[in-house]
N, C-alpha and C. Protein backbone atom coordinates (compact mmCIF):
# COMPACT_ATOMS: atom_id res chain seq x y z
N MET A 1 16.45 8.75 5.51
CA MET A 1 15.15 8.14 5.78
C MET A 1 15.01 6.87 4.95
N ARG A 2 14.89 5.75 5.63
CA ARG A 2 14.81 4.47 4.91
C ARG A 2 13.35 4.11 4.67
N ILE A 3 13.01 3.96 3.41
CA ILE A 3 11.66 3.60 2.98
C ILE A 3 11.74 2.21 2.39
N VAL A 4 10.98 1.28 2.92
CA VAL A 4 11.03 -0.11 2.48
C VAL A 4 9.69 -0.51 1.90
N ILE A 5 9.72 -1.03 0.69
CA ILE A 5 8.52 -1.50 0.00
C ILE A 5 8.70 -2.98 -0.28
N PRO A 6 7.97 -3.85 0.42
CA PRO A 6 8.10 -5.28 0.15
C PRO A 6 7.39 -5.67 -1.14
N LEU A 7 8.00 -6.58 -1.86
CA LEU A 7 7.42 -7.11 -3.08
C LEU A 7 7.18 -8.61 -2.92
N PHE A 8 6.17 -9.09 -3.58
CA PHE A 8 5.84 -10.52 -3.57
C PHE A 8 5.17 -10.81 -4.91
N ASP A 9 5.25 -12.06 -5.36
CA ASP A 9 4.60 -12.41 -6.62
C ASP A 9 3.13 -12.06 -6.55
N GLY A 10 2.68 -11.30 -7.55
CA GLY A 10 1.27 -10.92 -7.59
C GLY A 10 0.96 -9.58 -6.97
N PHE A 11 2.00 -8.73 -6.74
CA PHE A 11 1.72 -7.38 -6.24
C PHE A 11 1.10 -6.54 -7.35
N THR A 12 0.39 -5.48 -6.97
CA THR A 12 -0.14 -4.54 -7.96
C THR A 12 0.87 -3.42 -8.16
N ALA A 13 1.25 -3.21 -9.41
CA ALA A 13 2.38 -2.31 -9.71
C ALA A 13 2.17 -0.90 -9.17
N LEU A 14 1.00 -0.32 -9.41
CA LEU A 14 0.79 1.07 -9.02
C LEU A 14 0.76 1.22 -7.50
N ASP A 15 0.37 0.17 -6.79
CA ASP A 15 0.39 0.23 -5.33
C ASP A 15 1.79 0.56 -4.81
N ALA A 16 2.79 0.02 -5.48
CA ALA A 16 4.18 0.24 -5.07
C ALA A 16 4.78 1.46 -5.75
N VAL A 17 4.59 1.56 -7.06
CA VAL A 17 5.28 2.58 -7.84
C VAL A 17 4.65 3.96 -7.67
N GLY A 18 3.33 4.02 -7.50
CA GLY A 18 2.68 5.32 -7.30
C GLY A 18 3.24 6.05 -6.08
N PRO A 19 3.19 5.43 -4.89
CA PRO A 19 3.78 6.09 -3.72
C PRO A 19 5.28 6.31 -3.86
N TYR A 20 5.96 5.39 -4.51
CA TYR A 20 7.41 5.55 -4.71
C TYR A 20 7.73 6.86 -5.42
N GLU A 21 6.91 7.23 -6.41
CA GLU A 21 7.17 8.45 -7.18
C GLU A 21 7.14 9.69 -6.29
N ILE A 22 6.36 9.64 -5.23
CA ILE A 22 6.33 10.73 -4.26
C ILE A 22 7.45 10.59 -3.24
N LEU A 23 7.52 9.43 -2.61
CA LEU A 23 8.38 9.27 -1.45
C LEU A 23 9.87 9.35 -1.77
N HIS A 24 10.25 9.00 -2.99
CA HIS A 24 11.68 9.06 -3.29
C HIS A 24 12.19 10.50 -3.36
N MET A 25 11.24 11.46 -3.42
CA MET A 25 11.64 12.87 -3.45
C MET A 25 11.85 13.46 -2.06
N LEU A 26 11.51 12.73 -1.02
CA LEU A 26 11.72 13.23 0.34
C LEU A 26 13.21 13.46 0.60
N PRO A 27 13.55 14.44 1.41
CA PRO A 27 14.96 14.68 1.73
C PRO A 27 15.61 13.43 2.31
N ASP A 28 16.76 13.07 1.77
CA ASP A 28 17.54 11.93 2.26
C ASP A 28 16.80 10.61 2.15
N ALA A 29 15.88 10.52 1.21
CA ALA A 29 15.14 9.27 1.04
C ALA A 29 16.04 8.17 0.50
N ASP A 30 15.91 7.00 1.08
CA ASP A 30 16.63 5.80 0.64
C ASP A 30 15.59 4.71 0.49
N VAL A 31 15.17 4.45 -0.75
CA VAL A 31 14.08 3.51 -1.00
C VAL A 31 14.66 2.13 -1.30
N THR A 32 14.15 1.13 -0.60
CA THR A 32 14.57 -0.25 -0.83
C THR A 32 13.35 -1.08 -1.19
N PHE A 33 13.44 -1.79 -2.31
CA PHE A 33 12.45 -2.80 -2.64
C PHE A 33 13.00 -4.13 -2.15
N ALA A 34 12.25 -4.79 -1.29
CA ALA A 34 12.72 -6.03 -0.67
C ALA A 34 11.76 -7.17 -1.00
N ALA A 35 12.28 -8.38 -0.97
CA ALA A 35 11.46 -9.57 -1.21
C ALA A 35 12.06 -10.73 -0.43
N ALA A 36 11.40 -11.88 -0.49
CA ALA A 36 11.92 -13.05 0.22
C ALA A 36 13.37 -13.32 -0.18
N GLU A 37 13.66 -13.13 -1.46
CA GLU A 37 15.02 -13.23 -1.98
C GLU A 37 15.22 -12.11 -2.99
N PRO A 38 16.41 -11.52 -3.08
CA PRO A 38 16.64 -10.49 -4.10
C PRO A 38 16.41 -11.06 -5.50
N GLY A 39 15.93 -10.20 -6.38
CA GLY A 39 15.71 -10.63 -7.76
C GLY A 39 14.46 -10.02 -8.34
N THR A 40 14.05 -10.56 -9.46
CA THR A 40 12.91 -10.03 -10.22
C THR A 40 11.61 -10.60 -9.68
N ILE A 41 10.65 -9.71 -9.42
CA ILE A 41 9.35 -10.10 -8.88
C ILE A 41 8.28 -9.67 -9.89
N THR A 42 7.35 -10.56 -10.17
CA THR A 42 6.33 -10.32 -11.20
C THR A 42 5.03 -9.82 -10.58
N ASP A 43 4.43 -8.84 -11.23
CA ASP A 43 3.20 -8.25 -10.71
C ASP A 43 2.00 -9.15 -10.94
N GLY A 44 0.85 -8.69 -10.44
CA GLY A 44 -0.36 -9.50 -10.53
C GLY A 44 -0.87 -9.71 -11.94
N ALA A 45 -0.54 -8.81 -12.85
CA ALA A 45 -0.96 -8.99 -14.24
C ALA A 45 -0.05 -9.97 -14.98
N GLY A 46 1.08 -10.28 -14.40
CA GLY A 46 1.97 -11.27 -14.98
C GLY A 46 2.88 -10.76 -16.07
N SER A 47 2.93 -9.44 -16.28
CA SER A 47 3.73 -8.92 -17.38
C SER A 47 4.71 -7.83 -16.99
N LEU A 48 4.60 -7.30 -15.78
CA LEU A 48 5.52 -6.25 -15.34
C LEU A 48 6.35 -6.79 -14.19
N ARG A 49 7.64 -6.43 -14.19
CA ARG A 49 8.55 -6.95 -13.17
C ARG A 49 9.33 -5.82 -12.53
N LEU A 50 9.49 -5.90 -11.23
CA LEU A 50 10.36 -5.00 -10.50
C LEU A 50 11.47 -5.82 -9.85
N VAL A 51 12.59 -5.16 -9.60
CA VAL A 51 13.74 -5.86 -9.02
C VAL A 51 13.84 -5.52 -7.54
N ALA A 52 13.81 -6.55 -6.72
CA ALA A 52 14.08 -6.40 -5.30
C ALA A 52 15.58 -6.49 -5.10
N THR A 53 16.15 -5.47 -4.47
CA THR A 53 17.60 -5.44 -4.29
C THR A 53 18.03 -5.98 -2.93
N ALA A 54 17.06 -6.28 -2.08
CA ALA A 54 17.38 -6.80 -0.74
C ALA A 54 16.41 -7.91 -0.40
N SER A 55 16.84 -8.81 0.46
CA SER A 55 15.95 -9.83 1.00
C SER A 55 15.31 -9.31 2.28
N PHE A 56 14.22 -9.94 2.69
CA PHE A 56 13.62 -9.57 3.96
C PHE A 56 14.63 -9.73 5.10
N ALA A 57 15.45 -10.75 5.00
CA ALA A 57 16.44 -10.98 6.06
C ALA A 57 17.44 -9.83 6.15
N ASP A 58 17.67 -9.14 5.02
CA ASP A 58 18.62 -8.01 5.00
C ASP A 58 18.05 -6.77 5.67
N VAL A 59 16.74 -6.66 5.74
CA VAL A 59 16.08 -5.45 6.22
C VAL A 59 15.57 -5.67 7.64
N THR A 60 16.12 -4.95 8.56
CA THR A 60 15.75 -5.12 9.97
C THR A 60 15.04 -3.91 10.56
N GLU A 61 14.97 -2.81 9.81
CA GLU A 61 14.30 -1.62 10.30
C GLU A 61 13.92 -0.73 9.13
N ALA A 62 13.00 0.18 9.38
CA ALA A 62 12.57 1.12 8.34
C ALA A 62 11.95 2.33 9.02
N ASP A 63 12.11 3.48 8.41
CA ASP A 63 11.38 4.66 8.85
C ASP A 63 9.95 4.62 8.32
N ILE A 64 9.82 4.19 7.06
CA ILE A 64 8.50 4.01 6.45
C ILE A 64 8.44 2.60 5.87
N LEU A 65 7.45 1.84 6.27
CA LEU A 65 7.14 0.54 5.65
C LEU A 65 5.88 0.74 4.84
N LEU A 66 5.95 0.44 3.54
CA LEU A 66 4.81 0.62 2.66
C LEU A 66 4.49 -0.72 2.00
N VAL A 67 3.37 -1.31 2.39
CA VAL A 67 3.00 -2.64 1.92
C VAL A 67 1.98 -2.52 0.80
N PRO A 68 2.33 -2.93 -0.41
CA PRO A 68 1.38 -2.87 -1.53
C PRO A 68 0.39 -4.03 -1.46
N GLY A 69 -0.66 -3.93 -2.26
CA GLY A 69 -1.62 -5.01 -2.36
C GLY A 69 -1.48 -5.74 -3.68
N GLY A 70 -2.56 -6.37 -4.08
CA GLY A 70 -2.57 -7.16 -5.30
C GLY A 70 -3.02 -8.58 -5.02
N PRO A 71 -3.22 -9.38 -6.06
CA PRO A 71 -3.66 -10.76 -5.86
C PRO A 71 -2.75 -11.54 -4.91
N GLY A 72 -1.46 -11.23 -4.96
CA GLY A 72 -0.52 -11.93 -4.11
C GLY A 72 -0.67 -11.62 -2.65
N SER A 73 -1.30 -10.51 -2.32
CA SER A 73 -1.46 -10.18 -0.90
C SER A 73 -2.45 -11.11 -0.24
N ILE A 74 -3.42 -11.61 -0.98
CA ILE A 74 -4.36 -12.58 -0.43
C ILE A 74 -3.61 -13.85 -0.03
N ARG A 75 -2.76 -14.31 -0.93
CA ARG A 75 -1.94 -15.49 -0.62
C ARG A 75 -1.00 -15.18 0.54
N GLY A 76 -0.55 -13.93 0.60
CA GLY A 76 0.41 -13.56 1.63
C GLY A 76 -0.14 -13.61 3.04
N THR A 77 -1.46 -13.61 3.18
CA THR A 77 -2.04 -13.66 4.53
C THR A 77 -1.77 -14.99 5.22
N THR A 78 -1.32 -15.99 4.47
CA THR A 78 -0.96 -17.28 5.07
C THR A 78 0.54 -17.53 4.98
N ASP A 79 1.30 -16.52 4.59
CA ASP A 79 2.76 -16.64 4.48
C ASP A 79 3.37 -16.23 5.82
N GLY A 80 3.66 -17.21 6.64
CA GLY A 80 4.15 -16.92 7.98
C GLY A 80 5.42 -16.12 8.00
N ALA A 81 6.34 -16.39 7.06
CA ALA A 81 7.61 -15.67 7.04
C ALA A 81 7.40 -14.19 6.73
N LEU A 82 6.52 -13.90 5.77
CA LEU A 82 6.24 -12.51 5.42
C LEU A 82 5.57 -11.79 6.59
N LEU A 83 4.59 -12.42 7.21
CA LEU A 83 3.89 -11.79 8.32
C LEU A 83 4.82 -11.57 9.50
N ASP A 84 5.69 -12.53 9.77
CA ASP A 84 6.65 -12.36 10.87
C ASP A 84 7.59 -11.19 10.59
N TRP A 85 7.99 -11.04 9.33
CA TRP A 85 8.87 -9.93 8.97
C TRP A 85 8.16 -8.59 9.19
N ILE A 86 6.89 -8.50 8.79
CA ILE A 86 6.13 -7.27 9.01
C ILE A 86 6.05 -6.97 10.51
N ARG A 87 5.80 -8.00 11.31
CA ARG A 87 5.73 -7.80 12.76
C ARG A 87 7.06 -7.32 13.32
N ARG A 88 8.16 -7.80 12.78
CA ARG A 88 9.48 -7.38 13.28
C ARG A 88 9.81 -5.96 12.87
N ILE A 89 9.41 -5.57 11.67
CA ILE A 89 9.75 -4.23 11.17
C ILE A 89 8.88 -3.16 11.83
N HIS A 90 7.62 -3.47 12.08
CA HIS A 90 6.67 -2.45 12.56
C HIS A 90 7.17 -1.69 13.79
N PRO A 91 7.74 -2.33 14.81
CA PRO A 91 8.17 -1.55 15.98
C PRO A 91 9.29 -0.56 15.69
N THR A 92 9.96 -0.70 14.55
CA THR A 92 11.07 0.21 14.22
C THR A 92 10.61 1.41 13.40
N THR A 93 9.37 1.41 12.92
CA THR A 93 8.97 2.42 11.96
C THR A 93 8.47 3.70 12.62
N THR A 94 8.54 4.77 11.84
CA THR A 94 7.79 5.98 12.16
C THR A 94 6.39 5.87 11.59
N TRP A 95 6.30 5.28 10.38
CA TRP A 95 5.02 5.07 9.72
C TRP A 95 4.99 3.67 9.12
N THR A 96 3.94 2.92 9.45
CA THR A 96 3.65 1.64 8.81
C THR A 96 2.41 1.85 7.96
N THR A 97 2.50 1.58 6.67
CA THR A 97 1.43 1.95 5.76
C THR A 97 1.12 0.81 4.79
N SER A 98 -0.06 0.91 4.18
CA SER A 98 -0.45 -0.06 3.17
C SER A 98 -1.26 0.62 2.09
N VAL A 99 -1.30 -0.03 0.94
CA VAL A 99 -2.12 0.43 -0.18
C VAL A 99 -2.99 -0.74 -0.62
N CYS A 100 -4.27 -0.45 -0.84
CA CYS A 100 -5.20 -1.44 -1.38
C CYS A 100 -5.25 -2.66 -0.45
N THR A 101 -5.14 -3.86 -1.00
CA THR A 101 -5.22 -5.06 -0.17
C THR A 101 -3.94 -5.34 0.60
N GLY A 102 -2.97 -4.45 0.53
CA GLY A 102 -1.82 -4.55 1.42
C GLY A 102 -2.25 -4.48 2.88
N SER A 103 -3.40 -3.85 3.13
CA SER A 103 -3.90 -3.78 4.51
C SER A 103 -4.25 -5.16 5.04
N LEU A 104 -4.55 -6.11 4.16
CA LEU A 104 -4.83 -7.47 4.62
C LEU A 104 -3.60 -8.08 5.27
N LEU A 105 -2.43 -7.74 4.74
CA LEU A 105 -1.19 -8.25 5.33
C LEU A 105 -0.94 -7.62 6.69
N LEU A 106 -1.20 -6.32 6.81
CA LEU A 106 -1.06 -5.68 8.12
C LEU A 106 -2.05 -6.30 9.10
N ALA A 107 -3.27 -6.54 8.63
CA ALA A 107 -4.29 -7.10 9.51
C ALA A 107 -3.94 -8.53 9.92
N ALA A 108 -3.49 -9.33 8.96
CA ALA A 108 -3.14 -10.71 9.26
C ALA A 108 -1.95 -10.78 10.21
N ALA A 109 -1.10 -9.74 10.18
CA ALA A 109 0.03 -9.67 11.10
C ALA A 109 -0.38 -9.17 12.48
N GLY A 110 -1.66 -8.81 12.63
CA GLY A 110 -2.17 -8.38 13.92
C GLY A 110 -2.03 -6.91 14.21
N LEU A 111 -1.73 -6.10 13.19
CA LEU A 111 -1.47 -4.68 13.43
C LEU A 111 -2.72 -3.82 13.37
N LEU A 112 -3.82 -4.36 12.86
CA LEU A 112 -5.03 -3.54 12.68
C LEU A 112 -6.18 -3.97 13.59
N THR A 113 -5.93 -4.83 14.52
CA THR A 113 -6.99 -5.35 15.37
C THR A 113 -7.67 -4.23 16.15
N GLY A 114 -8.99 -4.11 15.94
CA GLY A 114 -9.78 -3.15 16.69
C GLY A 114 -9.69 -1.72 16.23
N ILE A 115 -9.00 -1.46 15.12
CA ILE A 115 -8.88 -0.08 14.65
C ILE A 115 -9.47 0.08 13.26
N GLU A 116 -9.79 1.31 12.90
CA GLU A 116 -10.32 1.58 11.57
C GLU A 116 -9.22 1.49 10.52
N ALA A 117 -9.58 0.93 9.39
CA ALA A 117 -8.64 0.81 8.28
C ALA A 117 -9.45 0.72 7.00
N THR A 118 -8.76 0.89 5.88
CA THR A 118 -9.42 0.76 4.60
C THR A 118 -8.67 -0.22 3.72
N THR A 119 -9.30 -0.58 2.63
CA THR A 119 -8.73 -1.54 1.69
C THR A 119 -9.51 -1.42 0.38
N HIS A 120 -9.19 -2.27 -0.57
CA HIS A 120 -9.98 -2.33 -1.81
C HIS A 120 -11.39 -2.80 -1.46
N TRP A 121 -12.38 -2.26 -2.14
CA TRP A 121 -13.77 -2.57 -1.80
C TRP A 121 -14.08 -4.06 -1.86
N SER A 122 -13.34 -4.81 -2.68
CA SER A 122 -13.64 -6.23 -2.82
C SER A 122 -13.13 -7.06 -1.65
N ALA A 123 -12.34 -6.45 -0.76
CA ALA A 123 -11.69 -7.21 0.32
C ALA A 123 -12.18 -6.81 1.70
N VAL A 124 -13.32 -6.14 1.77
CA VAL A 124 -13.80 -5.63 3.05
C VAL A 124 -14.02 -6.77 4.05
N ASP A 125 -14.71 -7.83 3.62
CA ASP A 125 -15.01 -8.93 4.54
C ASP A 125 -13.74 -9.59 5.05
N THR A 126 -12.77 -9.74 4.17
CA THR A 126 -11.51 -10.36 4.59
C THR A 126 -10.79 -9.48 5.60
N LEU A 127 -10.75 -8.18 5.34
CA LEU A 127 -10.12 -7.26 6.28
C LEU A 127 -10.77 -7.37 7.66
N GLU A 128 -12.08 -7.36 7.69
CA GLU A 128 -12.78 -7.40 8.97
C GLU A 128 -12.64 -8.75 9.66
N SER A 129 -12.40 -9.81 8.88
CA SER A 129 -12.22 -11.13 9.49
C SER A 129 -10.96 -11.19 10.33
N TYR A 130 -10.03 -10.25 10.10
CA TYR A 130 -8.81 -10.19 10.90
C TYR A 130 -8.91 -9.18 12.04
N GLY A 131 -10.11 -8.66 12.26
CA GLY A 131 -10.31 -7.82 13.43
C GLY A 131 -10.25 -6.33 13.19
N ALA A 132 -10.01 -5.91 11.95
CA ALA A 132 -10.02 -4.47 11.65
C ALA A 132 -11.45 -3.99 11.48
N ARG A 133 -11.65 -2.69 11.61
CA ARG A 133 -12.96 -2.07 11.38
C ARG A 133 -12.89 -1.27 10.09
N TYR A 134 -13.54 -1.78 9.05
CA TYR A 134 -13.46 -1.14 7.73
C TYR A 134 -14.15 0.21 7.71
N THR A 135 -13.52 1.16 7.04
CA THR A 135 -14.16 2.42 6.71
C THR A 135 -13.88 2.71 5.24
N ALA A 136 -14.84 3.33 4.58
CA ALA A 136 -14.71 3.59 3.15
C ALA A 136 -13.88 4.82 2.82
N ARG A 137 -13.30 5.46 3.83
CA ARG A 137 -12.48 6.63 3.53
C ARG A 137 -11.29 6.23 2.66
N ARG A 138 -10.86 7.18 1.85
CA ARG A 138 -9.80 6.89 0.87
C ARG A 138 -8.44 6.69 1.55
N VAL A 139 -8.16 7.47 2.57
CA VAL A 139 -6.94 7.34 3.36
C VAL A 139 -7.33 7.40 4.83
N VAL A 140 -6.88 6.43 5.59
CA VAL A 140 -7.22 6.35 7.02
C VAL A 140 -5.94 6.46 7.83
N GLU A 141 -5.85 7.52 8.58
CA GLU A 141 -4.65 7.80 9.39
C GLU A 141 -4.99 7.58 10.85
N GLN A 142 -4.31 6.63 11.46
CA GLN A 142 -4.54 6.33 12.86
C GLN A 142 -3.60 7.14 13.74
N PRO A 143 -4.07 7.52 14.95
CA PRO A 143 -3.13 8.13 15.90
C PRO A 143 -1.96 7.17 16.12
N GLY A 144 -0.79 7.67 16.05
CA GLY A 144 0.38 6.80 16.09
C GLY A 144 1.04 6.75 14.74
N ARG A 145 1.14 5.56 14.16
CA ARG A 145 1.95 5.49 12.95
C ARG A 145 1.41 4.58 11.87
N ILE A 146 0.13 4.26 11.89
CA ILE A 146 -0.43 3.39 10.86
C ILE A 146 -1.33 4.20 9.93
N ILE A 147 -1.09 4.08 8.63
CA ILE A 147 -1.94 4.71 7.63
C ILE A 147 -2.28 3.66 6.58
N THR A 148 -3.56 3.53 6.26
CA THR A 148 -3.98 2.62 5.20
C THR A 148 -4.65 3.42 4.10
N ALA A 149 -4.44 3.00 2.87
CA ALA A 149 -5.05 3.65 1.71
C ALA A 149 -5.91 2.65 0.97
N ALA A 150 -6.98 3.12 0.38
CA ALA A 150 -7.89 2.26 -0.37
C ALA A 150 -7.25 1.85 -1.70
N GLY A 151 -8.07 1.43 -2.65
CA GLY A 151 -7.55 0.81 -3.85
C GLY A 151 -6.60 1.65 -4.69
N VAL A 152 -5.47 1.09 -5.00
CA VAL A 152 -4.49 1.47 -6.00
C VAL A 152 -4.13 2.96 -5.98
N SER A 153 -4.89 3.80 -6.68
CA SER A 153 -4.49 5.21 -6.84
C SER A 153 -4.52 5.96 -5.52
N ALA A 154 -5.24 5.47 -4.53
CA ALA A 154 -5.26 6.13 -3.22
C ALA A 154 -3.88 6.12 -2.59
N GLY A 155 -3.01 5.23 -3.04
CA GLY A 155 -1.65 5.20 -2.53
C GLY A 155 -0.90 6.49 -2.81
N ILE A 156 -1.20 7.14 -3.93
CA ILE A 156 -0.56 8.41 -4.23
C ILE A 156 -1.03 9.48 -3.25
N ASP A 157 -2.33 9.48 -2.95
CA ASP A 157 -2.86 10.42 -1.98
C ASP A 157 -2.19 10.20 -0.62
N MET A 158 -2.06 8.95 -0.22
CA MET A 158 -1.43 8.65 1.06
C MET A 158 0.02 9.11 1.08
N ALA A 159 0.73 8.89 -0.01
CA ALA A 159 2.13 9.31 -0.07
C ALA A 159 2.26 10.82 0.04
N LEU A 160 1.35 11.55 -0.56
CA LEU A 160 1.37 13.01 -0.43
C LEU A 160 1.12 13.43 1.02
N ARG A 161 0.22 12.74 1.70
CA ARG A 161 -0.01 13.04 3.11
C ARG A 161 1.24 12.73 3.94
N LEU A 162 1.90 11.62 3.66
CA LEU A 162 3.16 11.31 4.34
C LEU A 162 4.19 12.39 4.10
N ALA A 163 4.28 12.84 2.85
CA ALA A 163 5.24 13.90 2.52
C ALA A 163 4.95 15.15 3.32
N GLU A 164 3.66 15.48 3.48
CA GLU A 164 3.30 16.65 4.28
C GLU A 164 3.71 16.46 5.74
N LEU A 165 3.44 15.28 6.29
CA LEU A 165 3.77 15.02 7.68
C LEU A 165 5.28 15.10 7.92
N ILE A 166 6.04 14.67 6.95
CA ILE A 166 7.49 14.57 7.12
C ILE A 166 8.20 15.86 6.72
N ALA A 167 7.81 16.44 5.60
CA ALA A 167 8.57 17.57 5.04
C ALA A 167 7.78 18.86 4.97
N GLY A 168 6.49 18.83 5.31
CA GLY A 168 5.69 20.03 5.29
C GLY A 168 4.83 20.16 4.03
N ARG A 169 3.84 21.03 4.12
CA ARG A 169 2.87 21.16 3.03
C ARG A 169 3.53 21.66 1.74
N THR A 170 4.41 22.60 1.85
CA THR A 170 5.02 23.15 0.63
C THR A 170 5.76 22.05 -0.14
N ALA A 171 6.52 21.24 0.57
CA ALA A 171 7.22 20.14 -0.09
C ALA A 171 6.24 19.18 -0.73
N ALA A 172 5.17 18.83 0.00
CA ALA A 172 4.19 17.90 -0.55
C ALA A 172 3.54 18.47 -1.81
N GLU A 173 3.21 19.75 -1.77
CA GLU A 173 2.62 20.37 -2.96
C GLU A 173 3.62 20.41 -4.11
N ALA A 174 4.87 20.61 -3.80
CA ALA A 174 5.90 20.60 -4.84
C ALA A 174 6.02 19.23 -5.47
N PHE A 175 5.96 18.18 -4.64
CA PHE A 175 6.05 16.82 -5.18
C PHE A 175 4.84 16.51 -6.06
N GLN A 176 3.66 16.98 -5.63
CA GLN A 176 2.46 16.79 -6.44
C GLN A 176 2.61 17.48 -7.79
N LEU A 177 3.14 18.69 -7.75
CA LEU A 177 3.36 19.41 -9.00
C LEU A 177 4.39 18.71 -9.88
N ALA A 178 5.44 18.16 -9.24
CA ALA A 178 6.51 17.51 -10.01
C ALA A 178 5.98 16.36 -10.85
N ILE A 179 5.01 15.62 -10.32
CA ILE A 179 4.47 14.50 -11.10
C ILE A 179 3.17 14.89 -11.82
N GLU A 180 2.82 16.17 -11.72
CA GLU A 180 1.60 16.70 -12.35
C GLU A 180 0.40 15.82 -12.01
N TYR A 181 0.24 15.57 -10.73
CA TYR A 181 -0.87 14.75 -10.25
C TYR A 181 -2.08 15.65 -10.08
N ASP A 182 -2.93 15.67 -11.08
CA ASP A 182 -4.09 16.55 -11.12
C ASP A 182 -5.26 15.76 -11.68
N PRO A 183 -5.76 14.78 -10.92
CA PRO A 183 -6.73 13.82 -11.48
C PRO A 183 -8.00 14.49 -11.99
N GLN A 184 -8.36 14.16 -13.20
CA GLN A 184 -9.61 14.60 -13.80
C GLN A 184 -10.14 13.45 -14.64
N PRO A 185 -10.56 12.36 -13.99
CA PRO A 185 -10.96 11.16 -14.74
C PRO A 185 -12.18 11.43 -15.60
N PRO A 186 -12.28 10.72 -16.72
CA PRO A 186 -13.41 10.93 -17.63
C PRO A 186 -14.72 10.37 -17.09
N PHE A 187 -14.64 9.51 -16.06
CA PHE A 187 -15.85 8.89 -15.50
C PHE A 187 -15.83 9.04 -13.99
N ASP A 188 -17.01 9.06 -13.38
CA ASP A 188 -17.12 9.13 -11.93
C ASP A 188 -17.52 7.76 -11.41
N ALA A 189 -16.63 6.79 -11.63
CA ALA A 189 -16.92 5.41 -11.26
C ALA A 189 -15.78 4.82 -10.42
N GLY A 190 -15.08 5.69 -9.71
CA GLY A 190 -13.87 5.25 -9.03
C GLY A 190 -14.06 4.68 -7.64
N SER A 191 -15.29 4.63 -7.15
CA SER A 191 -15.56 3.97 -5.87
C SER A 191 -16.78 3.09 -6.04
N TYR A 192 -16.90 2.08 -5.16
CA TYR A 192 -18.02 1.15 -5.29
C TYR A 192 -19.34 1.88 -5.09
N ALA A 193 -19.34 2.88 -4.25
CA ALA A 193 -20.58 3.60 -3.97
C ALA A 193 -21.07 4.39 -5.17
N LYS A 194 -20.14 4.84 -6.00
CA LYS A 194 -20.50 5.70 -7.12
C LYS A 194 -20.60 4.97 -8.46
N ALA A 195 -19.99 3.80 -8.57
CA ALA A 195 -19.93 3.11 -9.86
C ALA A 195 -21.32 2.62 -10.28
N PRO A 196 -21.64 2.71 -11.57
CA PRO A 196 -22.94 2.20 -12.03
C PRO A 196 -22.99 0.68 -11.93
N GLN A 197 -24.16 0.14 -11.80
CA GLN A 197 -24.33 -1.30 -11.63
C GLN A 197 -23.75 -2.07 -12.81
N ALA A 198 -23.84 -1.51 -14.00
CA ALA A 198 -23.31 -2.20 -15.18
C ALA A 198 -21.81 -2.44 -15.05
N ALA A 199 -21.11 -1.47 -14.47
CA ALA A 199 -19.66 -1.63 -14.28
C ALA A 199 -19.38 -2.72 -13.24
N LYS A 200 -20.19 -2.76 -12.18
CA LYS A 200 -20.02 -3.80 -11.16
C LYS A 200 -20.30 -5.18 -11.76
N ASP A 201 -21.33 -5.27 -12.57
CA ASP A 201 -21.66 -6.54 -13.21
C ASP A 201 -20.56 -6.99 -14.15
N TYR A 202 -19.97 -6.04 -14.86
CA TYR A 202 -18.89 -6.36 -15.79
C TYR A 202 -17.71 -6.96 -15.05
N LEU A 203 -17.34 -6.37 -13.92
CA LEU A 203 -16.23 -6.91 -13.14
C LEU A 203 -16.57 -8.29 -12.58
N ALA A 204 -17.79 -8.43 -12.09
CA ALA A 204 -18.20 -9.72 -11.51
C ALA A 204 -18.13 -10.83 -12.55
N ALA A 205 -18.45 -10.51 -13.79
CA ALA A 205 -18.44 -11.53 -14.84
C ALA A 205 -17.03 -11.95 -15.22
N ARG A 206 -16.06 -11.13 -14.89
CA ARG A 206 -14.67 -11.44 -15.24
C ARG A 206 -13.96 -12.22 -14.15
N HIS A 207 -14.59 -12.44 -13.02
CA HIS A 207 -13.96 -13.15 -11.92
C HIS A 207 -14.73 -14.41 -11.54
């Protein structure tokens, strides 16, 4: 099973690495990190780097395409080469997926037109500008093969759902246990609907 995760300057690390921790445990999983050119790609915080071992030109098909988000995904919506590559890979996949603002790339490539999808709460208007219908659900599974996940940590939830679809519930539960994914956050501020106004104001002041 070939799993392809595209990287671009400004990706969010957990968007890629969180699902990777689940998906690499699938039977016969072959995970490829790809980029415009092989080499080191820097995340959106500017301090963490992952190595892409393949170029987009090297990758012509995938069983699972998992597109991460991050600041670079906004820029990527005008990257014709990246969008063309997503369009070429999508017809070969069993599942085309995104995490956080990675859905903007799927939308800009024309894959989400007229269907429900999710993204990071800060990118709702942009997502809808490409013809998608935003929903605040954490993971949105469309009939067929498109799944979108909301901000960052939702990618782990989506990967567990993929594991269930592919390998069954027992395998998915085993993978969850393997990484001891048992979220018990100290605060209940993980969605825009639940976060206190002071937290929203704090973020707004930093941007």
